[in-house]
Amino acid sequence: MMNYHHLRIFWVVAREGSLRAAAAKLHLTQPTMSTQIHQLEDALGEPLFQRSGRKLILTAAGRMTMEYAEEIFGLGAELQAAFGQGMESKPNRLNVGIVDSLPKLIARDLLRPVFARVATVRLVCHEGVLEDLVLRLKQHRLDVLLTDTQISGESAQGTFHHKLGACGISLCAAPAIARRFGKKFPHSLEGAPFLLPTPAMPLRRELDAWFHREGITPRIVAEFDDTALLKDFAADGIGIAPIHQNVLQQARESYGLAVLGAVKGIRAEFYAVSVERKVKSEAILAITERERR
């Protein structure tokens, strides 16, 4: 049986990054903590740390255990605060999963209405791949999931999609790149340097199909899971990047990007996914009712 005292020691060590730092914080000896972490590993049947020099790095099992520990001890802190401050001030915790292919600027815009509607909300965002986030949603470890692709197949069972909006895609680049390849768009893109999402991303598959239809062979210089990093490289003049049209203004202002042209036939759609057909939570309703507004 797992010992929650051992779990707390693991949690602090994982947060601090070393036994020495955790020992100073908990006022325990390093050998004591090391023994208790080993006992936790024995109880779970998996190693939780691996060494990298003097630092302790979480294994895959350690990362999963850390997620649970964050939730457990985070809720414990909330409980203590609720009784210390009065029950009426208890924050509404909203655990949101955000698919890693969803641009951060769009995720921010989708979540903004939560703060306007719910006065005492504590927003906790978790980024990851769709399959992992769907599993966590079904386990009720997430309250809602934001995604740019619909869940399909067996994974969709027990989930409900709420469409939040849609937008087109434009190709953007640093001004010098845009001037060079922007004339006679899109045929001027033949052999142009491109910064693209990785092949697993839904947008990448649609872009590949568009290139094929237009008879364009792009020169792919980099691929990214992280859309913010993709924009950073575009701003440095490394290549042309696909940008969602509802964040074009931010792309111009924050990254200095110029638009070459719109990609016809591609529209990105955004969804909130819940395990309830009829959402009752005010915080989630603030997200799902966006399209009606």
C-alpha atoms as a PDB file:
ATOM      1  CA  MET A   1       0.000   0.000   0.000  1.00  0.00           C
ATOM      2  CA  MET A   2       1.259   3.468  -0.882  1.00  0.00           C
ATOM      3  CA  ASN A   3       2.303   5.734   1.973  1.00  0.00           C
ATOM      4  CA  TYR A   4       1.184   9.351   1.419  1.00  0.00           C
ATOM      5  CA  HIS A   5       3.984  10.639   3.625  1.00  0.00           C
ATOM      6  CA  HIS A   6       6.420   9.025   1.184  1.00  0.00           C
ATOM      7  CA  LEU A   7       4.488  10.587  -1.706  1.00  0.00           C
ATOM      8  CA  ARG A   8       4.874  14.031  -0.153  1.00  0.00           C
ATOM      9  CA  ILE A   9       8.624  13.540   0.202  1.00  0.00           C
ATOM     10  CA  PHE A  10       8.798  12.468  -3.452  1.00  0.00           C
ATOM     11  CA  TRP A  11       6.763  15.560  -4.403  1.00  0.00           C
ATOM     12  CA  VAL A  12       9.103  17.954  -2.593  1.00  0.00           C
ATOM     13  CA  VAL A  13      12.237  16.284  -4.000  1.00  0.00           C
ATOM     14  CA  ALA A  14      10.801  16.456  -7.529  1.00  0.00           C
ATOM     15  CA  ARG A  15       9.995  20.140  -7.073  1.00  0.00           C
ATOM     16  CA  GLU A  16      13.378  21.020  -5.574  1.00  0.00           C
ATOM     17  CA  GLY A  17      15.363  18.905  -8.050  1.00  0.00           C
ATOM     18  CA  SER A  18      17.708  17.332  -5.503  1.00  0.00           C
ATOM     19  CA  LEU A  19      17.703  15.488  -2.181  1.00  0.00           C
ATOM     20  CA  ARG A  20      19.926  18.148  -0.635  1.00  0.00           C
ATOM     21  CA  ALA A  21      17.534  21.014  -1.372  1.00  0.00           C
ATOM     22  CA  ALA A  22      14.517  18.967  -0.293  1.00  0.00           C
ATOM     23  CA  ALA A  23      16.267  17.916   2.940  1.00  0.00           C
ATOM     24  CA  ALA A  24      16.865  21.559   3.847  1.00  0.00           C
ATOM     25  CA  LYS A  25      13.220  22.380   3.177  1.00  0.00           C
ATOM     26  CA  LEU A  26      11.746  19.427   5.075  1.00  0.00           C
ATOM     27  CA  HIS A  27      14.387  19.339   7.845  1.00  0.00           C
ATOM     28  CA  LEU A  28      15.055  15.656   7.183  1.00  0.00           C
ATOM     29  CA  THR A  29      18.262  13.770   6.431  1.00  0.00           C
ATOM     30  CA  GLN A  30      19.030  12.778   2.855  1.00  0.00           C
ATOM     31  CA  PRO A  31      19.373   9.036   3.695  1.00  0.00           C
ATOM     32  CA  THR A  32      15.932   9.078   5.350  1.00  0.00           C
ATOM     33  CA  MET A  33      14.314  10.663   2.313  1.00  0.00           C
ATOM     34  CA  SER A  34      16.159   8.382  -0.097  1.00  0.00           C
ATOM     35  CA  THR A  35      14.927   5.319   1.813  1.00  0.00           C
ATOM     36  CA  GLN A  36      11.334   6.540   1.805  1.00  0.00           C
ATOM     37  CA  ILE A  37      11.418   7.308  -1.924  1.00  0.00           C
ATOM     38  CA  HIS A  38      12.725   3.789  -2.577  1.00  0.00           C
ATOM     39  CA  GLN A  39       9.833   2.446  -0.496  1.00  0.00           C
ATOM     40  CA  LEU A  40       7.408   4.465  -2.630  1.00  0.00           C
ATOM     41  CA  GLU A  41       9.033   3.076  -5.786  1.00  0.00           C
ATOM     42  CA  ASP A  42       8.650  -0.453  -4.412  1.00  0.00           C
ATOM     43  CA  ALA A  43       4.968   0.205  -3.662  1.00  0.00           C
ATOM     44  CA  LEU A  44       4.342   1.537  -7.179  1.00  0.00           C
ATOM     45  CA  GLY A  45       6.569  -1.003  -8.906  1.00  0.00           C
ATOM     46  CA  GLU A  46       8.432   1.575 -11.005  1.00  0.00           C
ATOM     47  CA  PRO A  47      11.542   3.766 -10.621  1.00  0.00           C
ATOM     48  CA  LEU A  48      10.567   7.422 -10.247  1.00  0.00           C
ATOM     49  CA  PHE A  49      13.951   9.141 -10.660  1.00  0.00           C
ATOM     50  CA  GLN A  50      17.104   8.737 -12.684  1.00  0.00           C
ATOM     51  CA  ARG A  51      20.343  10.579 -11.957  1.00  0.00           C
ATOM     52  CA  SER A  52      21.882  13.175 -14.252  1.00  0.00           C
ATOM     53  CA  GLY A  53      25.048  14.338 -12.530  1.00  0.00           C
ATOM     54  CA  ARG A  54      23.933  15.746  -9.190  1.00  0.00           C
ATOM     55  CA  LYS A  55      20.364  16.298 -10.335  1.00  0.00           C
ATOM     56  CA  LEU A  56      17.456  13.901 -10.126  1.00  0.00           C
ATOM     57  CA  ILE A  57      15.386  13.618 -13.312  1.00  0.00           C
ATOM     58  CA  LEU A  58      11.871  12.216 -13.310  1.00  0.00           C
ATOM     59  CA  THR A  59      11.255   9.026 -15.271  1.00  0.00           C
ATOM     60  CA  ALA A  60       8.026   8.553 -17.249  1.00  0.00           C
ATOM     61  CA  ALA A  61       6.484   6.902 -14.168  1.00  0.00           C
ATOM     62  CA  GLY A  62       7.850   9.743 -12.063  1.00  0.00           C
ATOM     63  CA  ARG A  63       6.218  12.373 -14.270  1.00  0.00           C
ATOM     64  CA  MET A  64       2.853  10.625 -14.002  1.00  0.00           C
ATOM     65  CA  THR A  65       3.239  10.292 -10.230  1.00  0.00           C
ATOM     66  CA  MET A  66       4.172  13.966 -10.040  1.00  0.00           C
ATOM     67  CA  GLU A  67       0.962  14.943 -11.841  1.00  0.00           C
ATOM     68  CA  TYR A  68      -1.100  13.080  -9.269  1.00  0.00           C
ATOM     69  CA  ALA A  69       0.973  14.471  -6.397  1.00  0.00           C
ATOM     70  CA  GLU A  70       0.487  18.042  -7.654  1.00  0.00           C
ATOM     71  CA  GLU A  71      -3.273  17.506  -7.701  1.00  0.00           C
ATOM     72  CA  ILE A  72      -3.384  15.789  -4.306  1.00  0.00           C
ATOM     73  CA  PHE A  73      -1.275  18.312  -2.412  1.00  0.00           C
ATOM     74  CA  GLY A  74      -2.675  21.249  -4.374  1.00  0.00           C
ATOM     75  CA  LEU A  75      -6.172  20.280  -3.252  1.00  0.00           C
ATOM     76  CA  GLY A  76      -4.882  19.838   0.293  1.00  0.00           C
ATOM     77  CA  ALA A  77      -3.549  23.399   0.266  1.00  0.00           C
ATOM     78  CA  GLU A  78      -6.897  24.627  -1.081  1.00  0.00           C
ATOM     79  CA  LEU A  79      -8.759  22.801   1.688  1.00  0.00           C
ATOM     80  CA  GLN A  80      -6.556  24.379   4.332  1.00  0.00           C
ATOM     81  CA  ALA A  81      -6.984  27.824   2.769  1.00  0.00           C
ATOM     82  CA  ALA A  82     -10.759  27.395   2.547  1.00  0.00           C
ATOM     83  CA  PHE A  83     -11.084  26.800   6.295  1.00  0.00           C
ATOM     84  CA  GLY A  84      -8.590  29.524   7.065  1.00  0.00           C
ATOM     85  CA  GLN A  85     -10.318  32.186   4.952  1.00  0.00           C
ATOM     86  CA  GLY A  86     -13.951  31.085   5.147  1.00  0.00           C
ATOM     87  CA  MET A  87     -15.847  28.741   2.854  1.00  0.00           C
ATOM     88  CA  GLU A  88     -17.319  31.562   0.775  1.00  0.00           C
ATOM     89  CA  SER A  89     -13.845  32.468  -0.494  1.00  0.00           C
ATOM     90  CA  LYS A  90     -12.946  28.963  -1.714  1.00  0.00           C
ATOM     91  CA  PRO A  91     -11.726  29.230  -5.333  1.00  0.00           C
ATOM     92  CA  ASN A  92     -13.383  27.188  -8.058  1.00  0.00           C
ATOM     93  CA  ARG A  93     -10.597  25.019  -9.457  1.00  0.00           C
ATOM     94  CA  LEU A  94     -10.801  24.487 -13.222  1.00  0.00           C
ATOM     95  CA  ASN A  95      -8.407  21.888 -14.654  1.00  0.00           C
ATOM     96  CA  VAL A  96      -8.057  22.513 -18.384  1.00  0.00           C
ATOM     97  CA  GLY A  97      -6.231  20.286 -20.853  1.00  0.00           C
ATOM     98  CA  ILE A  98      -4.768  22.085 -23.865  1.00  0.00           C
ATOM     99  CA  VAL A  99      -3.673  20.071 -26.896  1.00  0.00           C
ATOM    100  CA  ASP A 100      -0.083  20.970 -27.758  1.00  0.00           C
ATOM    101  CA  SER A 101      -1.006  21.775 -31.371  1.00  0.00           C
ATOM    102  CA  LEU A 102      -3.380  24.563 -30.269  1.00  0.00           C
ATOM    103  CA  PRO A 103      -1.600  27.952 -30.527  1.00  0.00           C
ATOM    104  CA  LYS A 104      -1.109  29.532 -27.119  1.00  0.00           C
ATOM    105  CA  LEU A 105      -2.593  32.869 -28.192  1.00  0.00           C
ATOM    106  CA  ILE A 106      -5.793  31.096 -29.221  1.00  0.00           C
ATOM    107  CA  ALA A 107      -5.895  29.084 -25.990  1.00  0.00           C
ATOM    108  CA  ARG A 108      -5.556  32.330 -24.050  1.00  0.00           C
ATOM    109  CA  ASP A 109      -8.429  33.936 -25.960  1.00  0.00           C
ATOM    110  CA  LEU A 110     -10.642  30.878 -25.422  1.00  0.00           C
ATOM    111  CA  LEU A 111     -10.003  30.945 -21.672  1.00  0.00           C
ATOM    112  CA  ARG A 112     -10.329  34.687 -21.082  1.00  0.00           C
ATOM    113  CA  PRO A 113     -14.142  34.618 -20.556  1.00  0.00           C
ATOM    114  CA  VAL A 114     -13.668  32.360 -17.517  1.00  0.00           C
ATOM    115  CA  PHE A 115     -12.251  35.203 -15.423  1.00  0.00           C
ATOM    116  CA  ALA A 116     -15.020  37.580 -16.467  1.00  0.00           C
ATOM    117  CA  ARG A 117     -17.743  35.118 -15.475  1.00  0.00           C
ATOM    118  CA  VAL A 118     -16.373  33.425 -12.358  1.00  0.00           C
ATOM    119  CA  ALA A 119     -15.017  35.685  -9.632  1.00  0.00           C
ATOM    120  CA  THR A 120     -13.141  33.072  -7.574  1.00  0.00           C
ATOM    121  CA  VAL A 121     -11.631  30.735 -10.132  1.00  0.00           C
ATOM    122  CA  ARG A 122      -8.273  29.004  -9.997  1.00  0.00           C
ATOM    123  CA  LEU A 123      -7.296  28.020 -13.523  1.00  0.00           C
ATOM    124  CA  VAL A 124      -4.882  25.091 -13.850  1.00  0.00           C
ATOM    125  CA  CYS A 125      -3.713  24.392 -17.417  1.00  0.00           C
ATOM    126  CA  HIS A 126      -2.119  21.127 -18.564  1.00  0.00           C
ATOM    127  CA  GLU A 127      -0.590  20.864 -22.038  1.00  0.00           C
ATOM    128  CA  GLY A 128      -0.099  17.528 -23.802  1.00  0.00           C
ATOM    129  CA  VAL A 129      -0.922  15.250 -26.706  1.00  0.00           C
ATOM    130  CA  LEU A 130      -4.580  14.566 -27.485  1.00  0.00           C
ATOM    131  CA  GLU A 131      -4.588  10.869 -26.534  1.00  0.00           C
ATOM    132  CA  ASP A 132      -3.140  11.491 -23.059  1.00  0.00           C
ATOM    133  CA  LEU A 133      -5.438  14.425 -22.356  1.00  0.00           C
ATOM    134  CA  VAL A 134      -8.555  12.499 -23.420  1.00  0.00           C
ATOM    135  CA  LEU A 135      -7.622   9.724 -20.990  1.00  0.00           C
ATOM    136  CA  ARG A 136      -7.176  12.240 -18.178  1.00  0.00           C
ATOM    137  CA  LEU A 137     -10.517  13.851 -19.063  1.00  0.00           C
ATOM    138  CA  LYS A 138     -12.287  10.496 -18.814  1.00  0.00           C
ATOM    139  CA  GLN A 139     -10.564   9.860 -15.488  1.00  0.00           C
ATOM    140  CA  HIS A 140     -12.004  13.215 -14.292  1.00  0.00           C
ATOM    141  CA  ARG A 141      -8.519  14.571 -13.750  1.00  0.00           C
ATOM    142  CA  LEU A 142      -9.436  17.315 -16.233  1.00  0.00           C
ATOM    143  CA  ASP A 143     -12.674  19.289 -16.278  1.00  0.00           C
ATOM    144  CA  VAL A 144     -12.512  20.284 -19.939  1.00  0.00           C
ATOM    145  CA  LEU A 145     -10.203  19.845 -22.922  1.00  0.00           C
ATOM    146  CA  LEU A 146      -9.380  22.458 -25.578  1.00  0.00           C
ATOM    147  CA  THR A 147      -8.429  21.022 -28.958  1.00  0.00           C
ATOM    148  CA  ASP A 148      -8.110  21.919 -32.638  1.00  0.00           C
ATOM    149  CA  THR A 149      -9.215  18.484 -33.815  1.00  0.00           C
ATOM    150  CA  GLN A 150     -12.256  16.365 -33.048  1.00  0.00           C
ATOM    151  CA  ILE A 151     -11.793  13.157 -31.096  1.00  0.00           C
ATOM    152  CA  SER A 152     -12.712  10.153 -33.221  1.00  0.00           C
ATOM    153  CA  GLY A 153     -13.129   6.385 -32.948  1.00  0.00           C
ATOM    154  CA  GLU A 154     -13.360   4.593 -29.628  1.00  0.00           C
ATOM    155  CA  SER A 155     -11.639   7.493 -27.871  1.00  0.00           C
ATOM    156  CA  ALA A 156     -14.682   9.670 -28.581  1.00  0.00           C
ATOM    157  CA  GLN A 157     -17.010   7.470 -26.525  1.00  0.00           C
ATOM    158  CA  GLY A 158     -18.233   9.303 -23.452  1.00  0.00           C
ATOM    159  CA  THR A 159     -17.061  12.718 -24.677  1.00  0.00           C
ATOM    160  CA  PHE A 160     -19.005  15.666 -26.064  1.00  0.00           C
ATOM    161  CA  HIS A 161     -17.696  18.362 -28.409  1.00  0.00           C
ATOM    162  CA  HIS A 162     -18.644  22.027 -28.083  1.00  0.00           C
ATOM    163  CA  LYS A 163     -17.525  24.076 -31.086  1.00  0.00           C
ATOM    164  CA  LEU A 164     -15.845  27.322 -30.059  1.00  0.00           C
ATOM    165  CA  GLY A 165     -15.025  28.825 -33.444  1.00  0.00           C
ATOM    166  CA  ALA A 166     -12.987  28.519 -36.620  1.00  0.00           C
ATOM    167  CA  CYS A 167     -10.532  30.538 -38.670  1.00  0.00           C
ATOM    168  CA  GLY A 168      -8.460  30.385 -41.827  1.00  0.00           C
ATOM    169  CA  ILE A 169      -4.697  29.982 -42.183  1.00  0.00           C
ATOM    170  CA  SER A 170      -2.257  32.485 -43.690  1.00  0.00           C
ATOM    171  CA  LEU A 171       1.407  32.056 -44.560  1.00  0.00           C
ATOM    172  CA  CYS A 172       3.657  34.616 -42.886  1.00  0.00           C
ATOM    173  CA  ALA A 173       7.343  35.410 -42.692  1.00  0.00           C
ATOM    174  CA  ALA A 174       9.832  38.096 -41.771  1.00  0.00           C
ATOM    175  CA  PRO A 175       9.446  41.064 -44.180  1.00  0.00           C
ATOM    176  CA  ALA A 176      12.518  40.213 -46.294  1.00  0.00           C
ATOM    177  CA  ILE A 177      11.330  36.618 -46.819  1.00  0.00           C
ATOM    178  CA  ALA A 178       7.781  37.825 -47.503  1.00  0.00           C
ATOM    179  CA  ARG A 179       8.983  40.250 -50.195  1.00  0.00           C
ATOM    180  CA  ARG A 180      11.081  37.570 -51.842  1.00  0.00           C
ATOM    181  CA  PHE A 181       8.410  34.866 -52.004  1.00  0.00           C
ATOM    182  CA  GLY A 182       5.167  36.841 -51.799  1.00  0.00           C
ATOM    183  CA  LYS A 183       4.851  37.803 -55.475  1.00  0.00           C
ATOM    184  CA  LYS A 184       2.648  35.554 -57.632  1.00  0.00           C
ATOM    185  CA  PHE A 185       1.453  33.724 -54.514  1.00  0.00           C
ATOM    186  CA  PRO A 186       1.096  30.760 -54.130  1.00  0.00           C
ATOM    187  CA  HIS A 187       3.224  29.544 -57.081  1.00  0.00           C
ATOM    188  CA  SER A 188       6.141  31.683 -55.900  1.00  0.00           C
ATOM    189  CA  LEU A 189       6.426  29.312 -52.930  1.00  0.00           C
ATOM    190  CA  GLU A 190       8.099  26.565 -54.966  1.00  0.00           C
ATOM    191  CA  GLY A 191      11.341  25.706 -53.154  1.00  0.00           C
ATOM    192  CA  ALA A 192      10.746  28.360 -50.482  1.00  0.00           C
ATOM    193  CA  PRO A 193      11.986  27.665 -46.928  1.00  0.00           C
ATOM    194  CA  PHE A 194       9.163  26.547 -44.628  1.00  0.00           C
ATOM    195  CA  LEU A 195       8.687  26.171 -40.891  1.00  0.00           C
ATOM    196  CA  LEU A 196       5.910  23.634 -40.401  1.00  0.00           C
ATOM    197  CA  PRO A 197       4.113  21.754 -37.640  1.00  0.00           C
ATOM    198  CA  THR A 198       5.322  18.177 -37.163  1.00  0.00           C
ATOM    199  CA  PRO A 199       3.625  15.477 -39.295  1.00  0.00           C
ATOM    200  CA  ALA A 200       1.464  14.337 -36.355  1.00  0.00           C
ATOM    201  CA  MET A 201      -0.285  17.712 -36.202  1.00  0.00           C
ATOM    202  CA  PRO A 202      -3.678  18.024 -37.986  1.00  0.00           C
ATOM    203  CA  LEU A 203      -2.664  21.315 -39.621  1.00  0.00           C
ATOM    204  CA  ARG A 204       0.457  19.717 -41.104  1.00  0.00           C
ATOM    205  CA  ARG A 205      -1.584  17.052 -42.873  1.00  0.00           C
ATOM    206  CA  GLU A 206      -3.853  19.710 -44.364  1.00  0.00           C
ATOM    207  CA  LEU A 207      -0.892  21.807 -45.483  1.00  0.00           C
ATOM    208  CA  ASP A 208       0.757  18.800 -47.128  1.00  0.00           C
ATOM    209  CA  ALA A 209      -2.463  18.180 -49.066  1.00  0.00           C
ATOM    210  CA  TRP A 210      -2.608  21.856 -50.082  1.00  0.00           C
ATOM    211  CA  PHE A 211       1.002  21.809 -51.315  1.00  0.00           C
ATOM    212  CA  HIS A 212       0.151  18.736 -53.390  1.00  0.00           C
ATOM    213  CA  ARG A 213      -2.954  20.352 -54.899  1.00  0.00           C
ATOM    214  CA  GLU A 214      -1.041  23.502 -55.806  1.00  0.00           C
ATOM    215  CA  GLY A 215       1.932  21.577 -57.211  1.00  0.00           C
ATOM    216  CA  ILE A 216       4.322  23.170 -54.714  1.00  0.00           C
ATOM    217  CA  THR A 217       7.369  21.439 -53.249  1.00  0.00           C
ATOM    218  CA  PRO A 218       8.345  23.337 -50.096  1.00  0.00           C
ATOM    219  CA  ARG A 219      11.858  23.238 -48.682  1.00  0.00           C
ATOM    220  CA  ILE A 220      11.187  22.254 -45.080  1.00  0.00           C
ATOM    221  CA  VAL A 221      13.910  23.700 -42.874  1.00  0.00           C
ATOM    222  CA  ALA A 222      12.338  22.966 -39.472  1.00  0.00           C
ATOM    223  CA  GLU A 223       9.346  21.245 -37.856  1.00  0.00           C
ATOM    224  CA  PHE A 224       7.797  22.114 -34.500  1.00  0.00           C
ATOM    225  CA  ASP A 225       5.313  20.832 -31.950  1.00  0.00           C
ATOM    226  CA  ASP A 226       5.484  24.228 -30.247  1.00  0.00           C
ATOM    227  CA  THR A 227       3.697  26.921 -32.278  1.00  0.00           C
ATOM    228  CA  ALA A 228       5.301  29.733 -30.269  1.00  0.00           C
ATOM    229  CA  LEU A 229       8.789  28.462 -31.135  1.00  0.00           C
ATOM    230  CA  LEU A 230       7.723  28.195 -34.780  1.00  0.00           C
ATOM    231  CA  LYS A 231       6.811  31.913 -34.728  1.00  0.00           C
ATOM    232  CA  ASP A 232      10.128  32.777 -33.058  1.00  0.00           C
ATOM    233  CA  PHE A 233      12.059  31.148 -35.903  1.00  0.00           C
ATOM    234  CA  ALA A 234       9.844  32.847 -38.483  1.00  0.00           C
ATOM    235  CA  ALA A 235      10.609  36.205 -36.847  1.00  0.00           C
ATOM    236  CA  ASP A 236      14.330  35.425 -37.193  1.00  0.00           C
ATOM    237  CA  GLY A 237      13.906  35.100 -40.975  1.00  0.00           C
ATOM    238  CA  ILE A 238      14.467  31.341 -41.088  1.00  0.00           C
ATOM    239  CA  GLY A 239      11.387  30.540 -43.165  1.00  0.00           C
ATOM    240  CA  ILE A 240       7.673  30.863 -43.885  1.00  0.00           C
ATOM    241  CA  ALA A 241       5.184  29.823 -41.195  1.00  0.00           C
ATOM    242  CA  PRO A 242       1.451  28.998 -41.183  1.00  0.00           C
ATOM    243  CA  ILE A 243      -0.402  31.338 -38.818  1.00  0.00           C
ATOM    244  CA  HIS A 244      -4.030  31.181 -37.698  1.00  0.00           C
ATOM    245  CA  GLN A 245      -5.823  34.233 -39.043  1.00  0.00           C
ATOM    246  CA  ASN A 246      -7.465  35.175 -35.760  1.00  0.00           C
ATOM    247  CA  VAL A 247      -4.022  35.876 -34.262  1.00  0.00           C
ATOM    248  CA  LEU A 248      -2.503  37.642 -37.281  1.00  0.00           C
ATOM    249  CA  GLN A 249      -2.517  40.994 -35.517  1.00  0.00           C
ATOM    250  CA  GLN A 250      -0.484  39.589 -32.628  1.00  0.00           C
ATOM    251  CA  ALA A 251       1.853  37.896 -35.136  1.00  0.00           C
ATOM    252  CA  ARG A 252       2.478  41.268 -36.770  1.00  0.00           C
ATOM    253  CA  GLU A 253       2.851  43.231 -33.546  1.00  0.00           C
ATOM    254  CA  SER A 254       4.741  40.713 -31.399  1.00  0.00           C
ATOM    255  CA  TYR A 255       6.817  38.930 -34.044  1.00  0.00           C
ATOM    256  CA  GLY A 256       7.053  41.516 -36.846  1.00  0.00           C
ATOM    257  CA  LEU A 257       5.721  39.040 -39.420  1.00  0.00           C
ATOM    258  CA  ALA A 258       4.274  39.979 -42.807  1.00  0.00           C
ATOM    259  CA  VAL A 259       1.522  38.071 -44.617  1.00  0.00           C
ATOM    260  CA  LEU A 260       2.311  36.426 -47.959  1.00  0.00           C
ATOM    261  CA  GLY A 261      -1.218  35.145 -48.569  1.00  0.00           C
ATOM    262  CA  ALA A 262      -4.100  32.999 -47.349  1.00  0.00           C
ATOM    263  CA  VAL A 263      -4.175  29.223 -47.728  1.00  0.00           C
ATOM    264  CA  LYS A 264      -7.438  28.530 -49.533  1.00  0.00           C
ATOM    265  CA  GLY A 265      -9.441  25.512 -48.446  1.00  0.00           C
ATOM    266  CA  ILE A 266      -8.011  25.152 -44.948  1.00  0.00           C
ATOM    267  CA  ARG A 267      -9.955  26.184 -41.863  1.00  0.00           C
ATOM    268  CA  ALA A 268      -8.901  25.401 -38.327  1.00  0.00           C
ATOM    269  CA  GLU A 269     -11.697  24.586 -35.888  1.00  0.00           C
ATOM    270  CA  PHE A 270     -11.554  24.792 -32.112  1.00  0.00           C
ATOM    271  CA  TYR A 271     -13.481  22.684 -29.621  1.00  0.00           C
ATOM    272  CA  ALA A 272     -14.034  22.313 -25.918  1.00  0.00           C
ATOM    273  CA  VAL A 273     -14.518  18.661 -25.000  1.00  0.00           C
ATOM    274  CA  SER A 274     -16.336  17.582 -21.845  1.00  0.00           C
ATOM    275  CA  VAL A 275     -17.656  14.347 -20.388  1.00  0.00           C
ATOM    276  CA  GLU A 276     -21.036  16.004 -19.868  1.00  0.00           C
ATOM    277  CA  ARG A 277     -23.543  16.502 -22.666  1.00  0.00           C
ATOM    278  CA  LYS A 278     -25.070  19.455 -20.821  1.00  0.00           C
ATOM    279  CA  VAL A 279     -22.399  21.493 -19.073  1.00  0.00           C
ATOM    280  CA  LYS A 280     -23.327  22.831 -15.623  1.00  0.00           C
ATOM    281  CA  SER A 281     -20.094  24.401 -14.417  1.00  0.00           C
ATOM    282  CA  GLU A 282     -20.159  28.199 -14.749  1.00  0.00           C
ATOM    283  CA  ALA A 283     -16.448  28.230 -15.554  1.00  0.00           C
ATOM    284  CA  ILE A 284     -16.842  25.724 -18.403  1.00  0.00           C
ATOM    285  CA  LEU A 285     -19.992  27.482 -19.648  1.00  0.00           C
ATOM    286  CA  ALA A 286     -17.917  30.650 -19.980  1.00  0.00           C
ATOM    287  CA  ILE A 287     -15.828  28.734 -22.533  1.00  0.00           C
ATOM    288  CA  THR A 288     -18.510  26.733 -24.347  1.00  0.00           C
ATOM    289  CA  GLU A 289     -20.934  29.632 -24.812  1.00  0.00           C
ATOM    290  CA  ARG A 290     -18.300  31.657 -26.654  1.00  0.00           C
ATOM    291  CA  GLU A 291     -19.662  30.701 -30.091  1.00  0.00           C
ATOM    292  CA  ARG A 292     -23.141  31.970 -29.197  1.00  0.00           C
ATOM    293  CA  ARG A 293     -21.732  35.356 -28.322  1.00  0.00           C
END
